[in-house]
Amino acid sequence: MSAHFTRRSLIRGITTATAVATLATGLAACGGESDAATTTEGAAAGGVTIGRVSNGAAKETTLKVSEVKSISAELPDAVRKSGRLTIGVGALPSGFAPLAYIGSDQKTLTGAEPDFGRLVAAVLGLEPETKNFTWENLFVGIDSGKVDVAFSNVTDTEERKKKYEFTSYRQDNLGFEVKKSDKWNFDGDYENLAGLTVSVGSGTNQEKILLEWKKKLESEGKKLTVKYFPDRNGTYLALNSGKIDAFFGPNPGIAYNVSQTAGTANATRNAGTFSGAGESLQGLIAATAKKDSGLAKPLADAVDYLIEHGQYAKWLAAYNLSNEAVAKSEVNPPGLPLDNS
């Protein structure tokens, strides 16, 4: 995981997946927008291909989807007349599999997030243009009008609502990863962690949650051992050798590792999820546009169309993210409160 994602995703409420070394193929520039990573890709013959050059993160699949006139009619005049939806992704410099990264052809911006942006654009009858930025410059791009909407694993927060409007499309979850042979499951109950040794990233939101559970268990006379490793490779070596029972981290990163280790001696599985926003609120990932842009409602209707007609479920399944599905898109739903944004 790049440094800016460690800070933003886990201290300011953005949950992301870590880029595994074999996938970090190296996006072009380290600062600002990368022109080389700007691509325009229309829906070919009424379909959108997802999982292209994804290096095994998803099976390449073409989903049938075309413009829905009643939804595209809701678009702001300027966007509709342009015929294009400029989609921002904040994946520079190294990306974060399986959500957004440069594919195995060394040039295509692939992953679950840009793929979903392309599906939404197809429903709106717009040609998708994806632009890749550093995390900070992604929001500068929205502010300046270079970007119509960000599909970049952005968590809905009350702080961000001061400047942006949101359209939810995925749950913001943390997950527990265990060896495939392990029968343990979290089942949404911290009591099930008693007696386990769990690894977590230092200084992260999930560490805060795990240490709160550790304190509760200690008050009940039960033990939870928390261990730290300098990187994800060290964590997985410990998991495979039995030095830890589970890893607690961003759900998409776990989904990616599960797909990469399937069929190997080190195969893992997801043993349960927990909201990245904590016990009292289900965190949500949302398409992010400038406040009062007029895009939130048509985007939500496009997401709901994809949910209703099955493309949404197929997209999630392709990236092993079905456990982050939402039943319906919401415009500006309750987000992380101001004291946790």
Foldseek 3Di string as FASTA:
>chain_A
DDPVCQCCCFQVPQAAAAQDPVQQLWADDQAWWDPLQKDWDAAPPQWAWAPPLQVQLFDTDIDGHAEDVVLLVLADPVQSVVLEAEEEEAAPTGGGPQAWGQGPVRRYTHHLQVSVVNLLCRHNRGTYIYIYHHPVVSVVCQVVVVHAKYRYSDWQEPVCLVWKKWKFWWWFKKFKKAFPPDPAAPVVDLVSQFPFEEEEEPPGLVVVVNVVSQVVQVVVVTHYHYDYDPDVVVVLVCRLVVVGGIYIGGPLNSLSVQSVCPPHSSHMDTRDIDASLDDPDTITGTIIHTPPNSVRVSSQVSSQVCLVVPVSCVSCVRSSNNVTGDNGMDMSDHGRYPVRD
